[in-house]
Protein backbone atom coordinates (compact mmCIF):
# COMPACT_ATOMS: atom_id res chain seq x y z
CA UNK A 1 4.86 15.55 20.83
CA UNK A 2 6.63 15.40 17.46
CA UNK A 3 7.72 18.71 16.04
CA UNK A 4 5.98 20.07 12.98
CA UNK A 5 9.34 20.16 11.22
CA UNK A 6 9.65 16.40 11.68
CA UNK A 7 6.28 15.81 10.04
CA UNK A 8 7.22 18.12 7.22
CA UNK A 9 10.45 16.18 6.76
CA UNK A 10 8.54 12.91 6.40
CA UNK A 11 6.23 14.42 3.83
CA UNK A 12 9.09 16.00 1.92
CA UNK A 13 11.06 12.76 1.87
CA UNK A 14 8.17 10.91 0.24
CA UNK A 15 7.44 13.73 -2.18
CA UNK A 16 11.09 13.98 -3.25
CA UNK A 17 11.21 10.23 -3.80
CA UNK A 18 8.17 10.52 -6.07
CA UNK A 19 9.73 13.39 -8.01
CA UNK A 20 13.11 11.70 -8.37
CA UNK A 21 11.87 8.57 -10.10
CA UNK A 22 10.18 9.16 -13.45
CA UNK A 23 10.01 5.46 -14.28
CA UNK A 24 7.58 3.05 -12.59
CA UNK A 25 10.12 1.42 -10.30
CA UNK A 26 13.59 -0.02 -10.35
CA UNK A 27 12.58 -3.21 -12.12
CA UNK A 28 10.09 -3.28 -14.99
CA UNK A 29 10.38 -6.92 -16.06
CA UNK A 30 6.87 -7.61 -14.83
CA UNK A 31 7.55 -9.15 -11.44
CA UNK A 32 8.89 -12.55 -10.41
CA UNK A 33 5.50 -14.25 -10.03
CA UNK A 34 3.85 -16.74 -12.39
CA UNK A 35 1.86 -14.05 -14.23
CA UNK A 36 4.16 -11.42 -15.81
CA UNK A 37 2.59 -8.06 -15.10
CA UNK A 38 2.15 -4.71 -16.82
CA UNK A 39 0.87 -1.24 -15.99
CA UNK A 40 -1.75 0.77 -17.84
CA UNK A 41 -4.40 3.43 -17.42
CA UNK A 42 -8.09 2.92 -18.15
CA UNK A 43 -10.22 5.83 -19.36
CA UNK A 44 -13.12 4.59 -17.26
CA UNK A 45 -11.03 5.08 -14.09
CA UNK A 46 -9.30 8.47 -14.33
CA UNK A 47 -6.70 9.38 -11.74
CA UNK A 48 -5.45 5.84 -11.28
CA UNK A 49 -2.75 3.53 -12.64
CA UNK A 50 -3.52 -0.19 -12.94
CA UNK A 51 -0.95 -2.95 -12.46
CA UNK A 52 -2.20 -6.35 -13.59
CA UNK A 53 -1.14 -9.66 -15.13
CA UNK A 54 -0.50 -9.09 -18.83
CA UNK A 55 -2.57 -12.16 -19.65
CA UNK A 56 -5.79 -12.01 -17.69
CA UNK A 57 -7.14 -15.26 -16.26
CA UNK A 58 -10.08 -17.05 -17.79
CA UNK A 59 -13.37 -17.17 -15.91
CA UNK A 60 -12.63 -20.81 -15.01
CA UNK A 61 -9.25 -19.96 -13.49
CA UNK A 62 -8.20 -18.32 -10.23
CA UNK A 63 -9.91 -14.93 -10.00
CA UNK A 64 -7.95 -11.76 -9.39
CA UNK A 65 -7.61 -10.45 -5.86
CA UNK A 66 -7.68 -6.67 -5.61
CA UNK A 67 -5.18 -4.36 -3.89
CA UNK A 68 -5.81 -0.60 -3.79
CA UNK A 69 -2.68 1.46 -3.13
CA UNK A 70 -1.83 4.88 -1.68
CA UNK A 71 1.52 6.48 -2.51
CA UNK A 72 4.10 7.97 -0.21
CA UNK A 73 3.51 11.64 0.49
CA UNK A 74 -0.08 11.05 -0.68
CA UNK A 75 1.50 11.73 -4.07
CA UNK A 76 -0.33 11.19 -7.35
CA UNK A 77 2.74 9.48 -8.86
CA UNK A 78 2.92 5.73 -8.12
CA UNK A 79 6.08 5.31 -10.20
CA UNK A 80 8.48 5.05 -7.21
CA UNK A 81 6.47 2.05 -6.04
CA UNK A 82 6.20 0.46 -9.48
CA UNK A 83 8.47 -2.54 -8.90
CA UNK A 84 6.60 -3.34 -5.66
CA UNK A 85 3.19 -3.09 -7.34
CA UNK A 86 4.20 -5.09 -10.42
CA UNK A 87 5.56 -7.82 -8.15
CA UNK A 88 2.22 -8.13 -6.37
CA UNK A 89 0.33 -8.06 -9.67
CA UNK A 90 2.53 -10.87 -11.03
CA UNK A 91 1.08 -13.16 -8.37
CA UNK A 92 -2.43 -12.79 -9.73
CA UNK A 93 -3.65 -9.50 -8.28
CA UNK A 94 -5.31 -6.46 -9.78
CA UNK A 95 -3.41 -3.58 -8.17
CA UNK A 96 -4.91 -0.10 -8.51
CA UNK A 97 -2.78 2.85 -7.42
CA UNK A 98 -4.02 6.38 -6.94
CA UNK A 99 -2.50 8.87 -9.37
CA UNK A 100 -1.15 9.16 -12.89
CA UNK A 101 1.63 7.92 -15.10
CA UNK A 102 4.93 9.78 -14.57
CA UNK A 103 4.69 12.48 -17.22
CA UNK A 104 1.13 13.43 -16.31
CA UNK A 105 1.96 13.37 -12.59
CA UNK A 106 4.94 15.65 -13.26
CA UNK A 107 2.80 18.05 -15.31
CA UNK A 108 0.21 18.26 -12.55
CA UNK A 109 2.86 18.80 -9.88
CA UNK A 110 4.39 21.68 -11.82
CA UNK A 111 0.96 23.27 -12.28
CA UNK A 112 0.08 23.30 -8.59
CA UNK A 113 0.51 26.60 -6.76
CA UNK A 114 3.19 26.65 -4.11
CA UNK A 115 1.80 26.39 -0.56
CA UNK A 116 1.81 29.49 1.57
CA UNK A 117 4.66 29.77 4.04
CA UNK A 118 4.07 27.74 7.17
CA UNK A 119 1.29 25.67 5.59
CA UNK A 120 1.28 22.12 4.36
CA UNK A 121 0.68 21.68 0.64
CA UNK A 122 -2.68 20.20 -0.36
CA UNK A 123 -2.72 16.44 -0.75
CA UNK A 124 -2.92 15.33 -4.41
CA UNK A 125 -4.75 12.13 -3.41
CA UNK A 126 -7.10 10.96 -0.68
CA UNK A 127 -8.58 7.79 0.74
CA UNK A 128 -11.60 8.43 -1.49
CA UNK A 129 -9.42 7.64 -4.51
CA UNK A 130 -8.89 4.16 -3.09
CA UNK A 131 -12.61 3.73 -2.42
CA UNK A 132 -13.26 4.79 -6.02
CA UNK A 133 -10.84 2.08 -7.16
CA UNK A 134 -12.74 -0.59 -5.20
CA UNK A 135 -16.06 0.65 -6.59
CA UNK A 136 -14.65 0.47 -10.12
CA UNK A 137 -13.24 -3.05 -9.71
CA UNK A 138 -16.51 -4.37 -8.32
CA UNK A 139 -18.47 -2.70 -11.14
CA UNK A 140 -16.10 -4.08 -13.80
CA UNK A 141 -16.53 -7.58 -12.46
CA UNK A 142 -20.26 -7.41 -13.13
CA UNK A 143 -20.11 -5.42 -16.38
CA UNK A 144 -20.77 -7.40 -19.54
CA UNK A 145 -18.12 -6.49 -22.09
CA UNK A 146 -15.49 -5.54 -19.51
CA UNK A 147 -12.23 -7.45 -19.80
CA UNK A 148 -12.53 -8.03 -16.04
CA UNK A 149 -16.09 -9.44 -16.25
CA UNK A 150 -16.31 -12.40 -13.88
CA UNK A 151 -12.57 -12.35 -13.16
CA UNK A 152 -12.43 -10.47 -9.84
CA UNK A 153 -12.76 -12.07 -6.43
CA UNK A 154 -14.88 -9.58 -4.51
CA UNK A 155 -14.10 -11.41 -1.26
CA UNK A 156 -10.36 -10.79 -1.72
CA UNK A 157 -9.88 -7.02 -1.47
CA UNK A 158 -7.02 -5.35 0.41
CA UNK A 159 -5.80 -1.79 1.01
CA UNK A 160 -2.14 -0.84 1.32
CA UNK A 161 0.12 2.16 1.03
CA UNK A 162 3.41 3.81 1.88
CA UNK A 163 3.79 6.48 4.59
CA UNK A 164 0.99 9.01 4.01
CA UNK A 165 -0.57 6.47 1.62
CA UNK A 166 -0.49 3.95 4.45
CA UNK A 167 -2.64 6.30 6.53
CA UNK A 168 -5.07 6.39 3.59
CA UNK A 169 -5.06 2.58 3.57
CA UNK A 170 -5.88 2.52 7.28
CA UNK A 171 -8.81 4.82 6.60
CA UNK A 172 -10.05 2.58 3.78
CA UNK A 173 -9.62 -0.45 6.04
CA UNK A 174 -12.90 0.42 7.73
CA UNK A 175 -14.75 -0.30 4.46
CA UNK A 176 -16.63 -3.61 4.90
CA UNK A 177 -15.38 -4.87 1.53
CA UNK A 178 -11.74 -4.69 2.63
CA UNK A 179 -10.41 -7.94 4.08
CA UNK A 180 -6.99 -6.78 5.25
CA UNK A 181 -4.66 -3.77 5.39
CA UNK A 182 -0.90 -3.49 4.86
CA UNK A 183 0.81 -0.33 6.08
CA UNK A 184 4.32 0.28 4.75
CA UNK A 185 6.54 2.65 6.77
CA UNK A 186 3.53 4.27 8.33
CA UNK A 187 1.56 4.88 11.50
CA UNK A 188 -1.12 7.27 12.68
CA UNK A 189 0.40 10.45 14.08
CA UNK A 190 -0.28 11.32 17.74
CA UNK A 191 -3.64 12.99 18.18
CA UNK A 192 -2.15 16.33 19.27
CA UNK A 193 0.24 16.60 16.31
CA UNK A 194 -0.25 18.91 13.36
CA UNK A 195 -1.20 16.70 10.43
CA UNK A 196 -0.77 17.23 6.74
CA UNK A 197 -3.81 16.85 4.47
CA UNK A 198 -4.41 13.17 3.77
CA UNK A 199 -3.14 12.09 7.20
CA UNK A 200 -5.83 13.42 9.50
CA UNK A 201 -6.82 10.15 11.19
CA UNK A 202 -6.66 9.93 14.97
CA UNK A 203 -5.72 6.88 16.97
CA UNK A 204 -9.33 5.92 17.72
CA UNK A 205 -9.67 4.92 14.07
CA UNK A 206 -7.71 1.76 14.84
CA UNK A 207 -10.78 0.49 16.72
CA UNK A 208 -12.75 0.58 13.45
CA UNK A 209 -10.53 -1.99 11.76
CA UNK A 210 -12.25 -5.38 11.63
CA UNK A 211 -9.77 -7.81 10.09
CA UNK A 212 -6.03 -8.59 10.32
CA UNK A 213 -3.44 -5.90 9.67
CA UNK A 214 0.26 -6.00 8.79
CA UNK A 215 2.80 -3.21 9.27
CA UNK A 216 6.05 -3.38 7.28
CA UNK A 217 8.37 -0.80 8.83
CA UNK A 218 11.92 0.35 8.23
CA UNK A 219 13.37 -0.06 11.70
CA UNK A 220 14.36 2.61 14.19
CA UNK A 221 15.79 4.81 11.43
CA UNK A 222 12.33 4.97 9.83
CA UNK A 223 10.66 8.28 10.68
CA UNK A 224 7.36 6.36 10.97
CA UNK A 225 8.82 3.76 13.37
CA UNK A 226 7.45 5.20 16.63
CA UNK A 227 3.98 5.84 15.21
CA UNK A 228 3.72 2.39 13.66
CA UNK A 229 4.87 0.67 16.82
CA UNK A 230 2.36 2.71 18.81
CA UNK A 231 -0.43 1.62 16.44
CA UNK A 232 0.57 -2.01 16.89
CA UNK A 233 0.63 -1.72 20.67
CA UNK A 234 -2.84 -0.17 20.69
CA UNK A 235 -4.47 -2.84 18.49
CA UNK A 236 -5.97 -5.55 20.67
CA UNK A 237 -9.21 -6.56 19.00
CA UNK A 238 -7.91 -8.03 15.72
CA UNK A 239 -4.87 -10.09 14.70
CA UNK A 240 -1.91 -7.86 13.94
CA UNK A 241 1.70 -8.26 12.87
CA UNK A 242 4.61 -5.87 12.49
CA UNK A 243 8.00 -6.48 10.89
CA UNK A 244 10.90 -4.05 10.94
CA UNK A 245 13.51 -4.30 8.22
CA UNK A 246 16.68 -2.20 8.73
CA UNK A 247 16.07 -0.08 5.62
CA UNK A 248 14.70 3.26 6.85
CA UNK A 249 11.65 5.13 5.62
CA UNK A 250 12.25 4.46 1.92
CA UNK A 251 11.61 0.75 2.39
CA UNK A 252 12.71 -1.65 -0.34
CA UNK A 253 10.70 -0.08 -3.15
CA UNK A 254 13.77 0.72 -5.26
CA UNK A 255 15.07 -2.84 -5.15
CA UNK A 256 14.46 -5.37 -7.95
CA UNK A 257 10.97 -6.85 -7.74
CA UNK A 258 10.25 -4.51 -4.83
CA UNK A 259 12.68 -6.27 -2.49
CA UNK A 260 11.78 -7.97 0.77
CA UNK A 261 8.77 -5.79 1.51
CA UNK A 262 7.05 -6.90 -1.71
CA UNK A 263 7.76 -10.56 -1.00
CA UNK A 264 6.37 -10.22 2.53
CA UNK A 265 3.29 -8.45 1.16
CA UNK A 266 2.61 -11.20 -1.39
CA UNK A 267 2.77 -13.86 1.33
CA UNK A 268 0.42 -11.84 3.52
CA UNK A 269 -2.10 -11.34 0.71
CA UNK A 270 -1.98 -15.00 -0.32
CA UNK A 271 -2.56 -16.02 3.29
CA UNK A 272 -5.23 -13.52 4.28
CA UNK A 273 -7.14 -13.31 0.97
CA UNK A 274 -6.66 -16.81 -0.44
CA UNK A 275 -6.23 -18.94 2.66
CA UNK A 276 -2.80 -20.21 1.60
CA UNK A 277 -1.43 -21.76 4.77
CA UNK A 278 2.03 -22.23 3.26
CA UNK A 279 2.25 -18.45 2.88
CA UNK A 280 0.87 -18.08 6.39
CA UNK A 281 3.96 -19.84 7.73
CA UNK A 282 5.82 -16.62 7.00
CA UNK A 283 3.90 -14.99 9.85
CA UNK A 284 2.48 -17.59 12.21
CA UNK A 285 3.43 -20.83 13.90
CA UNK A 286 6.51 -22.10 15.63
CA UNK A 287 9.65 -20.92 13.88
CA UNK A 288 7.72 -18.75 11.43
CA UNK A 289 9.89 -17.51 8.57
CA UNK A 290 9.99 -13.90 9.77
CA UNK A 291 10.86 -15.10 13.26
CA UNK A 292 14.10 -16.62 11.96
CA UNK A 293 15.67 -13.62 10.20
CA UNK A 294 18.31 -12.43 12.64
CA UNK A 295 18.47 -8.74 11.69
CA UNK A 296 14.69 -8.28 11.33
CA UNK A 297 12.37 -7.59 14.26
CA UNK A 298 9.00 -9.31 14.10
CA UNK A 299 6.03 -9.34 16.45
CA UNK A 300 2.51 -10.70 16.05
CA UNK A 301 -0.59 -11.22 18.17
CA UNK A 302 -4.05 -12.64 17.86
CA UNK A 303 -3.35 -15.38 15.33
C-alpha cells in the first residue's frame, strides 16, 4: 500500500506547479495547428476557462469537437496546462478547463483556509465541473444567438486531465456523451489507500468505461506510473493504450505547444472523435509511430 505521505507529495507537486505558473502555459502563440487559438472566460459558464480557435468555423465547415479538462492537483488554475490546451484547440477543438484565469485562481487560493493538520485540503474542482462544461457546450450548440450555435459536434466529446484531474476525467468517462478519455500522468489509487478529495474513485470504476482510453504517463519516475500501469492491466473490455515518456510527473506541459504529450493527444482525438485513420497510425497497425520511438514505452490492446 502506498504511504499517505506519497499521495500528499503527488498532490503537492501538482498544486505547486499550478501556483508557480501565473501565465497560461509556456507558449501563448495560439498552438501549431491550422486554427490559431485563444483563451477566454464566458459569463454564462462561471468557474471555467475556454480555449478555442480565435476564428470560429462557419456552420458549413468542420464542427468543433469538445474536450473537457481537469487540472493537476484538482486545482482551479488551468494556466500550467495552457500551452497543451491551446495546442489542442488550434486543431479545431473547443477545450473547456475547470477553474479560473490566473489572477482569480490566485485570489481564491489565498482566501481558502489552511487545512487542519493531518487532513487533505478540500479539492477546488470536481468531476461535476467537467459535466457542467459538457452540459454548457451542448446547450450552446442549440441556442439561437450563441456564437457556438450549430458549430459543435455533439458526437465528438472527450474528457482528459492531469494527475488528480485525470481521475476526474475517468469519472466523467462514464457519461454516455463522452466518446473517449485521455489520462495524463494519472491512475486510480489502490482501493485501500487514503485518497484526497477529488480522487475518490475505486478500481471498479474502470469497468464503467465504454469506449477507448489513452494514458500518457511520465515513465517510472512519474509518481502515477504504478497506478496508471495497474489501470491499463485491469482494462480488458475496451480498447486501451498507454505510452510512457521519460519526463516524470510534470509531463511536457511546460514545453512549447505542450510538447509531445499534446501532439499525441491531438492524434488520439482526431482518430477517436473524427475517424482520421492517418492519425490512428500513431497508435495502431504494424510499425505504429509510437512503436518506433526508442526511448518511449508503448502498449495497446483491443484495437
